[in-house]
C-alpha atoms as a PDB file:
ATOM      1  CA  GLY A   1     259.202 -20.367 -43.174  1.00  0.00           C
ATOM      2  CA  LEU A   2     261.280 -22.941 -41.354  1.00  0.00           C
ATOM      3  CA  VAL A   3     259.481 -25.597 -39.360  1.00  0.00           C
ATOM      4  CA  ALA A   4     261.137 -27.313 -36.396  1.00  0.00           C
ATOM      5  CA  VAL A   5     260.439 -31.031 -36.237  1.00  0.00           C
ATOM      6  CA  ALA A   6     261.670 -33.894 -34.079  1.00  0.00           C
ATOM      7  CA  ALA A   7     264.084 -36.161 -35.910  1.00  0.00           C
ATOM      8  CA  LEU A   8     263.323 -39.871 -35.765  1.00  0.00           C
ATOM      9  CA  ALA A   9     264.880 -41.556 -32.757  1.00  0.00           C
ATOM     10  CA  ALA A  10     264.429 -45.070 -34.083  1.00  0.00           C
ATOM     11  CA  GLY A  11     266.715 -46.949 -36.460  1.00  0.00           C
ATOM     12  CA  THR A  12     267.400 -45.552 -39.898  1.00  0.00           C
ATOM     13  CA  GLN A  13     266.451 -47.207 -43.177  1.00  0.00           C
ATOM     14  CA  VAL A  14     268.798 -46.851 -46.143  1.00  0.00           C
ATOM     15  CA  PHE A  15     268.723 -48.087 -49.716  1.00  0.00           C
ATOM     16  CA  ASP A  16     271.105 -50.987 -50.368  1.00  0.00           C
ATOM     17  CA  PRO A  17     272.261 -50.682 -54.005  1.00  0.00           C
ATOM     18  CA  LYS A  18     273.275 -54.355 -54.109  1.00  0.00           C
ATOM     19  CA  THR A  19     269.909 -55.802 -53.092  1.00  0.00           C
ATOM     20  CA  ARG A  20     267.917 -52.766 -54.266  1.00  0.00           C
ATOM     21  CA  LYS A  21     265.949 -52.915 -51.039  1.00  0.00           C
ATOM     22  CA  TRP A  22     265.503 -50.600 -48.072  1.00  0.00           C
ATOM     23  CA  VAL A  23     267.293 -52.047 -45.060  1.00  0.00           C
ATOM     24  CA  ASP A  24     267.751 -51.092 -41.409  1.00  0.00           C
ATOM     25  CA  TYR A  25     271.001 -49.304 -40.577  1.00  0.00           C
ATOM     26  CA  ASP A  26     272.244 -49.892 -37.032  1.00  0.00           C
ATOM     27  CA  ARG A  27     273.697 -46.552 -35.999  1.00  0.00           C
ATOM     28  CA  THR A  28     275.511 -48.065 -33.000  1.00  0.00           C
ATOM     29  CA  LYS A  29     277.883 -49.812 -35.393  1.00  0.00           C
ATOM     30  CA  ALA A  30     278.737 -46.699 -37.418  1.00  0.00           C
ATOM     31  CA  ARG A  31     282.045 -45.852 -35.760  1.00  0.00           C
ATOM     32  CA  LYS A  32     283.208 -49.491 -35.742  1.00  0.00           C
ATOM     33  CA  TYR A  33     282.392 -49.779 -39.443  1.00  0.00           C
ATOM     34  CA  TYR A  34     284.346 -46.636 -40.240  1.00  0.00           C
ATOM     35  CA  ALA A  35     287.312 -47.782 -38.171  1.00  0.00           C
ATOM     36  CA  ALA A  36     287.370 -51.113 -40.013  1.00  0.00           C
ATOM     37  CA  HIS A  37     286.809 -49.808 -43.552  1.00  0.00           C
ATOM     38  CA  ASN A  38     288.043 -46.192 -43.345  1.00  0.00           C
ATOM     39  CA  GLN A  39     284.881 -45.107 -45.155  1.00  0.00           C
ATOM     40  CA  VAL A  40     281.131 -44.883 -44.657  1.00  0.00           C
ATOM     41  CA  PRO A  41     278.775 -47.681 -45.801  1.00  0.00           C
ATOM     42  CA  GLU A  42     278.265 -47.846 -49.562  1.00  0.00           C
ATOM     43  CA  ALA A  43     274.746 -46.390 -49.408  1.00  0.00           C
ATOM     44  CA  PHE A  44     276.164 -43.133 -48.017  1.00  0.00           C
ATOM     45  CA  ARG A  45     278.908 -42.685 -50.618  1.00  0.00           C
ATOM     46  CA  PRO A  46     278.348 -40.232 -53.507  1.00  0.00           C
ATOM     47  CA  GLN A  47     276.553 -41.737 -56.480  1.00  0.00           C
ATOM     48  CA  MET A  48     274.491 -40.618 -59.458  1.00  0.00           C
ATOM     49  CA  VAL A  49     270.905 -41.862 -59.166  1.00  0.00           C
ATOM     50  CA  LYS A  50     267.631 -41.642 -61.054  1.00  0.00           C
ATOM     51  CA  PHE A  51     265.566 -38.879 -59.510  1.00  0.00           C
ATOM     52  CA  ARG A  52     262.168 -37.655 -60.653  1.00  0.00           C
ATOM     53  CA  THR A  53     261.507 -34.048 -59.672  1.00  0.00           C
ATOM     54  CA  ALA A  54     260.078 -30.839 -61.072  1.00  0.00           C
ATOM     55  CA  GLU A  55     262.932 -28.858 -59.495  1.00  0.00           C
ATOM     56  CA  VAL A  56     265.538 -27.355 -61.815  1.00  0.00           C
ATOM     57  CA  PRO A  57     269.123 -28.678 -62.004  1.00  0.00           C
ATOM     58  CA  GLY A  58     271.285 -27.142 -59.302  1.00  0.00           C
ATOM     59  CA  THR A  59     268.571 -27.439 -56.644  1.00  0.00           C
ATOM     60  CA  ILE A  60     269.522 -29.217 -53.412  1.00  0.00           C
ATOM     61  CA  ILE A  61     266.913 -31.527 -51.870  1.00  0.00           C
ATOM     62  CA  ILE A  62     267.616 -32.935 -48.419  1.00  0.00           C
ATOM     63  CA  ASP A  63     265.783 -36.041 -47.202  1.00  0.00           C
ATOM     64  CA  GLY A  64     266.524 -35.899 -43.494  1.00  0.00           C
ATOM     65  CA  ASN A  65     264.812 -39.166 -42.589  1.00  0.00           C
ATOM     66  CA  GLN A  66     266.850 -41.215 -45.056  1.00  0.00           C
ATOM     67  CA  HIS A  67     270.040 -39.182 -44.505  1.00  0.00           C
ATOM     68  CA  PHE A  68     270.519 -38.269 -48.159  1.00  0.00           C
ATOM     69  CA  LEU A  69     271.245 -34.980 -49.919  1.00  0.00           C
ATOM     70  CA  TYR A  70     270.355 -34.820 -53.617  1.00  0.00           C
ATOM     71  CA  LEU A  71     271.842 -32.296 -56.037  1.00  0.00           C
ATOM     72  CA  VAL A  72     269.427 -32.227 -58.976  1.00  0.00           C
ATOM     73  CA  GLN A  73     271.047 -32.886 -62.363  1.00  0.00           C
ATOM     74  CA  PRO A  74     269.617 -32.693 -65.904  1.00  0.00           C
ATOM     75  CA  GLY A  75     267.746 -35.692 -67.295  1.00  0.00           C
ATOM     76  CA  GLN A  76     265.817 -36.699 -64.152  1.00  0.00           C
ATOM     77  CA  ARG A  77     268.976 -37.620 -62.289  1.00  0.00           C
ATOM     78  CA  ALA A  78     270.669 -36.416 -59.129  1.00  0.00           C
ATOM     79  CA  MET A  79     273.997 -36.679 -57.368  1.00  0.00           C
ATOM     80  CA  ARG A  80     273.239 -38.304 -54.014  1.00  0.00           C
ATOM     81  CA  TYR A  81     275.386 -37.883 -50.899  1.00  0.00           C
ATOM     82  CA  GLY A  82     275.081 -39.322 -47.391  1.00  0.00           C
ATOM     83  CA  ILE A  83     274.529 -36.814 -44.589  1.00  0.00           C
ATOM     84  CA  GLY A  84     274.231 -36.507 -40.833  1.00  0.00           C
ATOM     85  CA  VAL A  85     271.243 -34.509 -39.569  1.00  0.00           C
ATOM     86  CA  GLY A  86     269.806 -32.960 -36.412  1.00  0.00           C
ATOM     87  CA  ARG A  87     269.299 -35.194 -33.400  1.00  0.00           C
ATOM     88  CA  GLU A  88     265.892 -35.445 -31.759  1.00  0.00           C
ATOM     89  CA  GLY A  89     264.513 -31.976 -31.073  1.00  0.00           C
ATOM     90  CA  PHE A  90     266.946 -30.265 -33.464  1.00  0.00           C
ATOM     91  CA  GLY A  91     265.478 -31.346 -36.803  1.00  0.00           C
ATOM     92  CA  TRP A  92     263.878 -28.775 -39.091  1.00  0.00           C
ATOM     93  CA  ALA A  93     262.260 -28.425 -42.492  1.00  0.00           C
ATOM     94  CA  GLY A  94     261.828 -25.584 -44.964  1.00  0.00           C
ATOM     95  CA  ILE A  95     262.817 -23.983 -48.248  1.00  0.00           C
ATOM     96  CA  VAL A  96     265.934 -21.835 -48.071  1.00  0.00           C
ATOM     97  CA  ARG A  97     268.825 -20.867 -50.337  1.00  0.00           C
ATOM     98  CA  VAL A  98     272.607 -20.921 -50.329  1.00  0.00           C
ATOM     99  CA  GLY A  99     273.459 -17.407 -49.138  1.00  0.00           C
ATOM    100  CA  ARG A 100     277.224 -17.809 -49.271  1.00  0.00           C
ATOM    101  CA  MET A 101     279.967 -20.427 -49.194  1.00  0.00           C
ATOM    102  CA  ALA A 102     283.281 -20.610 -47.360  1.00  0.00           C
ATOM    103  CA  GLU A 103     286.426 -22.749 -47.549  1.00  0.00           C
ATOM    104  CA  TRP A 104     287.758 -24.052 -44.210  1.00  0.00           C
ATOM    105  CA  PRO A 105     285.353 -21.704 -42.416  1.00  0.00           C
ATOM    106  CA  THR A 106     285.615 -20.271 -38.932  1.00  0.00           C
ATOM    107  CA  TRP A 107     283.130 -21.850 -36.550  1.00  0.00           C
ATOM    108  CA  THR A 108     281.326 -19.529 -34.150  1.00  0.00           C
ATOM    109  CA  PRO A 109     278.789 -21.399 -32.005  1.00  0.00           C
ATOM    110  CA  PRO A 110     275.464 -19.548 -31.635  1.00  0.00           C
ATOM    111  CA  ALA A 111     274.576 -18.170 -28.216  1.00  0.00           C
ATOM    112  CA  GLU A 112     272.012 -20.937 -27.673  1.00  0.00           C
ATOM    113  CA  MET A 113     274.701 -23.597 -28.128  1.00  0.00           C
ATOM    114  CA  VAL A 114     277.133 -21.806 -25.828  1.00  0.00           C
ATOM    115  CA  ALA A 115     274.407 -21.672 -23.172  1.00  0.00           C
ATOM    116  CA  ARG A 116     273.659 -25.417 -23.297  1.00  0.00           C
ATOM    117  CA  ASP A 117     277.108 -26.834 -24.104  1.00  0.00           C
ATOM    118  CA  PRO A 118     280.041 -26.049 -21.771  1.00  0.00           C
ATOM    119  CA  ASN A 119     282.483 -27.311 -24.421  1.00  0.00           C
ATOM    120  CA  ALA A 120     281.356 -24.563 -26.804  1.00  0.00           C
ATOM    121  CA  VAL A 121     282.130 -21.718 -24.380  1.00  0.00           C
ATOM    122  CA  LYS A 122     285.842 -21.601 -25.223  1.00  0.00           C
ATOM    123  CA  HIS A 123     284.999 -21.088 -28.896  1.00  0.00           C
ATOM    124  CA  ALA A 124     282.392 -18.373 -28.340  1.00  0.00           C
ATOM    125  CA  GLY A 125     284.690 -15.896 -30.091  1.00  0.00           C
ATOM    126  CA  GLY A 126     285.224 -18.206 -33.066  1.00  0.00           C
ATOM    127  CA  MET A 127     287.341 -21.284 -33.858  1.00  0.00           C
ATOM    128  CA  PRO A 128     289.647 -20.894 -36.887  1.00  0.00           C
ATOM    129  CA  GLY A 129     289.163 -23.244 -39.819  1.00  0.00           C
ATOM    130  CA  GLY A 130     291.167 -26.465 -39.841  1.00  0.00           C
ATOM    131  CA  PRO A 131     290.944 -30.268 -39.660  1.00  0.00           C
ATOM    132  CA  ASP A 132     289.456 -30.222 -36.132  1.00  0.00           C
ATOM    133  CA  ASN A 133     286.901 -27.492 -36.843  1.00  0.00           C
ATOM    134  CA  PRO A 134     283.291 -28.791 -36.596  1.00  0.00           C
ATOM    135  CA  LEU A 135     282.419 -27.176 -39.955  1.00  0.00           C
ATOM    136  CA  GLY A 136     285.070 -29.154 -41.801  1.00  0.00           C
ATOM    137  CA  ALA A 137     286.444 -28.250 -45.214  1.00  0.00           C
ATOM    138  CA  ARG A 138     283.535 -26.211 -46.598  1.00  0.00           C
ATOM    139  CA  ALA A 139     280.309 -24.597 -45.442  1.00  0.00           C
ATOM    140  CA  LEU A 140     277.214 -23.582 -47.377  1.00  0.00           C
ATOM    141  CA  TYR A 141     275.392 -20.943 -45.331  1.00  0.00           C
ATOM    142  CA  LEU A 142     271.617 -21.262 -45.594  1.00  0.00           C
ATOM    143  CA  TYR A 143     269.503 -18.124 -45.809  1.00  0.00           C
ATOM    144  CA  GLU A 144     265.757 -17.533 -45.749  1.00  0.00           C
ATOM    145  CA  ARG A 145     265.289 -14.524 -47.998  1.00  0.00           C
ATOM    146  CA  ASP A 146     268.157 -12.277 -46.813  1.00  0.00           C
ATOM    147  CA  GLN A 147     268.302 -13.610 -43.266  1.00  0.00           C
ATOM    148  CA  ASP A 148     270.939 -16.104 -42.109  1.00  0.00           C
ATOM    149  CA  THR A 149     269.085 -19.090 -40.639  1.00  0.00           C
ATOM    150  CA  ILE A 150     272.206 -20.156 -38.629  1.00  0.00           C
ATOM    151  CA  TYR A 151     271.882 -23.552 -40.347  1.00  0.00           C
ATOM    152  CA  ARG A 152     274.688 -24.822 -42.595  1.00  0.00           C
ATOM    153  CA  ILE A 153     275.540 -27.665 -44.927  1.00  0.00           C
ATOM    154  CA  HIS A 154     279.117 -28.364 -43.909  1.00  0.00           C
ATOM    155  CA  GLY A 155     281.938 -30.871 -43.594  1.00  0.00           C
ATOM    156  CA  THR A 156     282.933 -32.684 -40.429  1.00  0.00           C
ATOM    157  CA  PRO A 157     286.031 -34.054 -38.681  1.00  0.00           C
ATOM    158  CA  GLU A 158     283.845 -37.026 -37.642  1.00  0.00           C
ATOM    159  CA  PRO A 159     282.963 -38.826 -40.892  1.00  0.00           C
ATOM    160  CA  TRP A 160     281.595 -41.879 -39.062  1.00  0.00           C
ATOM    161  CA  THR A 161     278.579 -39.742 -38.034  1.00  0.00           C
ATOM    162  CA  ILE A 162     277.244 -39.690 -41.604  1.00  0.00           C
ATOM    163  CA  GLY A 163     273.905 -41.497 -41.593  1.00  0.00           C
ATOM    164  CA  LEU A 164     273.142 -40.536 -37.991  1.00  0.00           C
ATOM    165  CA  ASP A 165     270.992 -37.990 -36.135  1.00  0.00           C
ATOM    166  CA  VAL A 166     273.777 -36.152 -34.331  1.00  0.00           C
ATOM    167  CA  SER A 167     273.879 -32.431 -35.098  1.00  0.00           C
ATOM    168  CA  SER A 168     272.208 -29.346 -33.647  1.00  0.00           C
ATOM    169  CA  GLY A 169     270.275 -28.847 -36.863  1.00  0.00           C
ATOM    170  CA  CYS A 170     273.013 -28.422 -39.451  1.00  0.00           C
ATOM    171  CA  ILE A 171     273.511 -30.873 -42.319  1.00  0.00           C
ATOM    172  CA  ARG A 172     276.939 -32.530 -42.123  1.00  0.00           C
ATOM    173  CA  MET A 173     278.829 -34.332 -44.889  1.00  0.00           C
ATOM    174  CA  ARG A 174     282.209 -35.978 -45.316  1.00  0.00           C
ATOM    175  CA  ASN A 175     284.864 -33.373 -46.149  1.00  0.00           C
ATOM    176  CA  ASP A 176     285.474 -34.841 -49.613  1.00  0.00           C
ATOM    177  CA  ASP A 177     281.739 -34.785 -50.298  1.00  0.00           C
ATOM    178  CA  ILE A 178     281.100 -31.211 -49.167  1.00  0.00           C
ATOM    179  CA  THR A 179     284.106 -30.096 -51.223  1.00  0.00           C
ATOM    180  CA  ASP A 180     282.621 -31.816 -54.269  1.00  0.00           C
ATOM    181  CA  LEU A 181     279.160 -30.382 -53.597  1.00  0.00           C
ATOM    182  CA  ALA A 182     280.520 -26.851 -53.148  1.00  0.00           C
ATOM    183  CA  SER A 183     282.298 -27.108 -56.504  1.00  0.00           C
ATOM    184  CA  ARG A 184     278.967 -27.919 -58.202  1.00  0.00           C
ATOM    185  CA  VAL A 185     276.667 -25.449 -56.427  1.00  0.00           C
ATOM    186  CA  LYS A 186     276.146 -21.735 -56.986  1.00  0.00           C
ATOM    187  CA  VAL A 187     275.314 -19.079 -54.412  1.00  0.00           C
ATOM    188  CA  GLY A 188     271.568 -18.533 -54.597  1.00  0.00           C
ATOM    189  CA  ALA A 189     270.773 -22.217 -55.175  1.00  0.00           C
ATOM    190  CA  LYS A 190     267.422 -23.364 -53.791  1.00  0.00           C
ATOM    191  CA  VAL A 191     267.605 -25.802 -50.872  1.00  0.00           C
ATOM    192  CA  ILE A 192     264.575 -27.894 -49.883  1.00  0.00           C
ATOM    193  CA  VAL A 193     264.835 -29.597 -46.488  1.00  0.00           C
ATOM    194  CA  LEU A 194     262.376 -32.441 -45.818  1.00  0.00           C
ATOM    195  CA  MET A 195     262.153 -34.436 -42.606  1.00  0.00           C
ATOM    196  CA  GLN A 196     259.272 -36.685 -43.651  1.00  0.00           C
ATOM    197  CA  GLY A 197     260.474 -37.421 -47.157  1.00  0.00           C
ATOM    198  CA  ALA A 198     260.838 -41.209 -47.307  1.00  0.00           C
ATOM    199  CA  ALA A 199     257.628 -41.730 -49.263  1.00  0.00           C
ATOM    200  CA  LEU A 200     258.745 -39.190 -51.850  1.00  0.00           C
ATOM    201  CA  TYR A 201     261.956 -40.956 -52.724  1.00  0.00           C
ATOM    202  CA  LYS A 202     261.383 -44.624 -51.962  1.00  0.00           C
ATOM    203  CA  GLY A 203     260.036 -45.239 -55.458  1.00  0.00           C
ATOM    204  CA  VAL A 204     262.784 -43.547 -57.435  1.00  0.00           C
END
């Protein structure tokens, strides 16, 4: 089943491909960086990486601590994307599957969000898809067996939040990245969500 965990509140470590070292990423500078460069830091841009795993190609593995999503490819490789994850108290872990996918999906905040967030009340009946929609360009709906978990892998109108702990539990990606991921993934794909995964991937 799904396990709720507290996301790390401290600074994030990311892999710098230039120095090939793990470095601290100051989340307070994220929006300024995006404003200056019109893109996320290099570590969070899509790239093919070496990736040792027993999982079959097409599996999605999410390392919440390091803010990476891996789409397993043949030959011990993976397509790696930067992600934004749940803020403290909203993190989770588990093994689920892609139950369905949608293009420019309607966003309907769950009752729990409406209750805690006054800004969500006006969209309780659903917000049509579009550039300002919190789900962005695509959404992969995550199911446990045949039950919708209410968690999604989705795009975002706020790309500077990639690499941060900002969501209510969903996995957010840049719109271009989620569009690319959705084109590569099939409904039914296995999704493994890890929130203590740094040790698993630091040596790859």
